[in-house]
Each structure stands twice: as structure tokens, then as C-alpha cells.
């Protein structure tokens, strides 16, 4: 009788563990994004949040880009970013490498 109780308890534990693993998988799959982030950021119209979504640009750098854009006008090319304090050719290369296809500079 005792062996039967142990067997029953072990079966319950195994079934509960399997059910828990299945439910966790279901929850985890709902939390994962179902699409790739293909949002493009236009340097001439983007706000701080949009600019800082790019890898390599934080809030301060985004604010500097916007201030420069307001003062000097729209960027005609990505190289125009070099006019922003703290941005040079290497920074632009890294920015393009880390954000392939995400940066555009169309005039509004």
C-alpha cells in the first residue's frame, strides 16, 4: 500500500511539472515579439524617443541632433550629422553598422 501511495505521489509531481513547463512555454511565447522591428527613423522629422531608439544614440545625443536640425535645417545627407557636437565619421559608421536600413534622411 505504501509503495502505491509513493507511486501515486510521484506521478502527480511529474504531471504537475510537465503541465507547468507547458504553461510557462505558452506564457513565454506570448511575451516574445512576433515581428522584427523594421521601423525607420527619419533624421529630419524624428523626435527624441525615435532617435534614441537607434543603437548608439542616447537621449542627450538625440537632443543635440534635434537642436542642430532646428538651427541649421534638414540634413541633406548622413554626413551632415558631423556638424553635431560629439558626432564624427567613425560615429556615423558605427551608427549605420548597428542600425542597418533603419536611418533615412528624407525632407518632410
C-alpha atoms as a PDB file:
ATOM      1  CA  UNK A   1       0.000   0.000   0.000  1.00  0.00           C
ATOM      2  CA  UNK A   2       2.812   2.379   0.911  1.00  0.00           C
ATOM      3  CA  UNK A   3       4.523   1.754  -2.444  1.00  0.00           C
ATOM      4  CA  UNK A   4       1.265   2.534  -4.219  1.00  0.00           C
ATOM      5  CA  UNK A   5       0.945   5.879  -2.388  1.00  0.00           C
ATOM      6  CA  UNK A   6       4.564   6.801  -3.274  1.00  0.00           C
ATOM      7  CA  UNK A   7       3.935   5.862  -6.888  1.00  0.00           C
ATOM      8  CA  UNK A   8       0.759   7.959  -6.969  1.00  0.00           C
ATOM      9  CA  UNK A   9       2.528  10.958  -5.415  1.00  0.00           C
ATOM     10  CA  UNK A  10       5.463  10.677  -7.841  1.00  0.00           C
ATOM     11  CA  UNK A  11       3.029  10.546 -10.766  1.00  0.00           C
ATOM     12  CA  UNK A  12       1.283  13.700  -9.512  1.00  0.00           C
ATOM     13  CA  UNK A  13       4.599  15.537  -9.174  1.00  0.00           C
ATOM     14  CA  UNK A  14       5.686  14.528 -12.668  1.00  0.00           C
ATOM     15  CA  UNK A  15       2.355  15.519 -14.200  1.00  0.00           C
ATOM     16  CA  UNK A  16       2.342  18.874 -12.397  1.00  0.00           C
ATOM     17  CA  UNK A  17       5.904  19.605 -13.549  1.00  0.00           C
ATOM     18  CA  UNK A  18       5.058  18.783 -17.153  1.00  0.00           C
ATOM     19  CA  UNK A  19       1.917  20.930 -17.074  1.00  0.00           C
ATOM     20  CA  UNK A  20       3.848  23.811 -15.519  1.00  0.00           C
ATOM     21  CA  UNK A  21       6.555  23.592 -18.175  1.00  0.00           C
ATOM     22  CA  UNK A  22       3.917  23.666 -20.908  1.00  0.00           C
ATOM     23  CA  UNK A  23       2.128  26.662 -19.391  1.00  0.00           C
ATOM     24  CA  UNK A  24       5.428  28.553 -18.967  1.00  0.00           C
ATOM     25  CA  UNK A  25       6.288  27.901 -22.592  1.00  0.00           C
ATOM     26  CA  UNK A  26       2.913  29.295 -23.622  1.00  0.00           C
ATOM     27  CA  UNK A  27       3.387  32.405 -21.479  1.00  0.00           C
ATOM     28  CA  UNK A  28       6.931  32.953 -22.754  1.00  0.00           C
ATOM     29  CA  UNK A  29       5.866  32.620 -26.373  1.00  0.00           C
ATOM     30  CA  UNK A  30       3.199  35.298 -25.823  1.00  0.00           C
ATOM     31  CA  UNK A  31       5.771  37.691 -24.376  1.00  0.00           C
ATOM     32  CA  UNK A  32       8.178  37.396 -27.277  1.00  0.00           C
ATOM     33  CA  UNK A  33       7.676  39.789 -30.187  1.00  0.00           C
ATOM     34  CA  UNK A  34       6.066  38.227 -33.202  1.00  0.00           C
ATOM     35  CA  UNK A  35       7.669  40.607 -35.710  1.00  0.00           C
ATOM     36  CA  UNK A  36      11.045  42.184 -36.250  1.00  0.00           C
ATOM     37  CA  UNK A  37      11.348  45.898 -35.526  1.00  0.00           C
ATOM     38  CA  UNK A  38      11.619  47.370 -39.035  1.00  0.00           C
ATOM     39  CA  UNK A  39      10.794  50.943 -38.066  1.00  0.00           C
ATOM     40  CA  UNK A  40      12.770  53.531 -39.996  1.00  0.00           C
ATOM     41  CA  UNK A  41      13.940  56.735 -38.306  1.00  0.00           C
ATOM     42  CA  UNK A  42      13.946  59.907 -40.390  1.00  0.00           C
ATOM     43  CA  UNK A  43      16.685  62.233 -39.147  1.00  0.00           C
ATOM     44  CA  UNK A  44      14.728  65.262 -40.383  1.00  0.00           C
ATOM     45  CA  UNK A  45      11.460  64.535 -38.569  1.00  0.00           C
ATOM     46  CA  UNK A  46      12.300  62.175 -35.668  1.00  0.00           C
ATOM     47  CA  UNK A  47      11.692  63.179 -32.064  1.00  0.00           C
ATOM     48  CA  UNK A  48      13.934  62.337 -29.103  1.00  0.00           C
ATOM     49  CA  UNK A  49      12.241  58.994 -28.449  1.00  0.00           C
ATOM     50  CA  UNK A  50      12.568  57.883 -32.067  1.00  0.00           C
ATOM     51  CA  UNK A  51      16.206  58.967 -32.371  1.00  0.00           C
ATOM     52  CA  UNK A  52      17.166  57.363 -29.070  1.00  0.00           C
ATOM     53  CA  UNK A  53      15.622  54.081 -30.245  1.00  0.00           C
ATOM     54  CA  UNK A  54      18.622  53.758 -32.551  1.00  0.00           C
ATOM     55  CA  UNK A  55      21.501  51.755 -31.133  1.00  0.00           C
ATOM     56  CA  UNK A  56      24.267  54.209 -30.284  1.00  0.00           C
ATOM     57  CA  UNK A  57      22.102  57.299 -29.752  1.00  0.00           C
ATOM     58  CA  UNK A  58      21.027  58.209 -26.252  1.00  0.00           C
ATOM     59  CA  UNK A  59      18.704  60.955 -25.094  1.00  0.00           C
ATOM     60  CA  UNK A  60      21.445  63.622 -24.895  1.00  0.00           C
ATOM     61  CA  UNK A  61      22.724  62.868 -28.395  1.00  0.00           C
ATOM     62  CA  UNK A  62      19.152  62.846 -29.746  1.00  0.00           C
ATOM     63  CA  UNK A  63      18.523  66.248 -28.164  1.00  0.00           C
ATOM     64  CA  UNK A  64      21.736  67.575 -29.731  1.00  0.00           C
ATOM     65  CA  UNK A  65      20.696  66.272 -33.164  1.00  0.00           C
ATOM     66  CA  UNK A  66      17.296  67.961 -32.890  1.00  0.00           C
ATOM     67  CA  UNK A  67      18.814  71.245 -31.678  1.00  0.00           C
ATOM     68  CA  UNK A  68      21.265  71.229 -34.599  1.00  0.00           C
ATOM     69  CA  UNK A  69      18.465  70.427 -37.043  1.00  0.00           C
ATOM     70  CA  UNK A  70      16.357  73.322 -35.731  1.00  0.00           C
ATOM     71  CA  UNK A  71      19.284  75.704 -36.014  1.00  0.00           C
ATOM     72  CA  UNK A  72      20.759  74.604 -39.362  1.00  0.00           C
ATOM     73  CA  UNK A  73      17.806  72.987 -41.152  1.00  0.00           C
ATOM     74  CA  UNK A  74      17.261  69.498 -42.521  1.00  0.00           C
ATOM     75  CA  UNK A  75      20.097  67.045 -43.035  1.00  0.00           C
ATOM     76  CA  UNK A  76      20.850  66.600 -46.725  1.00  0.00           C
ATOM     77  CA  UNK A  77      22.990  63.518 -46.088  1.00  0.00           C
ATOM     78  CA  UNK A  78      24.037  61.398 -43.142  1.00  0.00           C
ATOM     79  CA  UNK A  79      27.454  63.063 -43.256  1.00  0.00           C
ATOM     80  CA  UNK A  80      25.749  66.310 -42.194  1.00  0.00           C
ATOM     81  CA  UNK A  81      25.471  64.725 -38.741  1.00  0.00           C
ATOM     82  CA  UNK A  82      29.165  65.543 -38.307  1.00  0.00           C
ATOM     83  CA  UNK A  83      28.098  69.112 -37.599  1.00  0.00           C
ATOM     84  CA  UNK A  84      26.529  67.934 -34.335  1.00  0.00           C
ATOM     85  CA  UNK A  85      28.901  68.216 -31.387  1.00  0.00           C
ATOM     86  CA  UNK A  86      30.301  64.802 -30.498  1.00  0.00           C
ATOM     87  CA  UNK A  87      29.468  63.151 -33.815  1.00  0.00           C
ATOM     88  CA  UNK A  88      32.245  62.280 -36.243  1.00  0.00           C
ATOM     89  CA  UNK A  89      32.792  59.993 -39.200  1.00  0.00           C
ATOM     90  CA  UNK A  90      33.507  56.937 -37.022  1.00  0.00           C
ATOM     91  CA  UNK A  91      30.339  57.512 -35.020  1.00  0.00           C
ATOM     92  CA  UNK A  92      28.293  57.628 -38.239  1.00  0.00           C
ATOM     93  CA  UNK A  93      29.920  54.417 -39.490  1.00  0.00           C
ATOM     94  CA  UNK A  94      29.090  52.635 -36.202  1.00  0.00           C
ATOM     95  CA  UNK A  95      25.562  54.045 -36.282  1.00  0.00           C
ATOM     96  CA  UNK A  96      24.974  52.679 -39.780  1.00  0.00           C
ATOM     97  CA  UNK A  97      26.541  49.325 -38.899  1.00  0.00           C
ATOM     98  CA  UNK A  98      24.429  48.932 -35.751  1.00  0.00           C
ATOM     99  CA  UNK A  99      21.177  50.100 -37.392  1.00  0.00           C
ATOM    100  CA  UNK A 100      21.179  48.670 -40.924  1.00  0.00           C
ATOM    101  CA  UNK A 101      18.373  50.074 -43.058  1.00  0.00           C
ATOM    102  CA  UNK A 102      16.777  51.977 -40.177  1.00  0.00           C
ATOM    103  CA  UNK A 103      18.117  55.501 -40.796  1.00  0.00           C
ATOM    104  CA  UNK A 104      16.731  57.753 -43.518  1.00  0.00           C
ATOM    105  CA  UNK A 105      17.053  61.482 -44.112  1.00  0.00           C
ATOM    106  CA  UNK A 106      14.144  62.432 -46.331  1.00  0.00           C
ATOM    107  CA  UNK A 107      12.956  66.019 -46.176  1.00  0.00           C
ATOM    108  CA  UNK A 108       9.477  66.425 -44.743  1.00  0.00           C
END
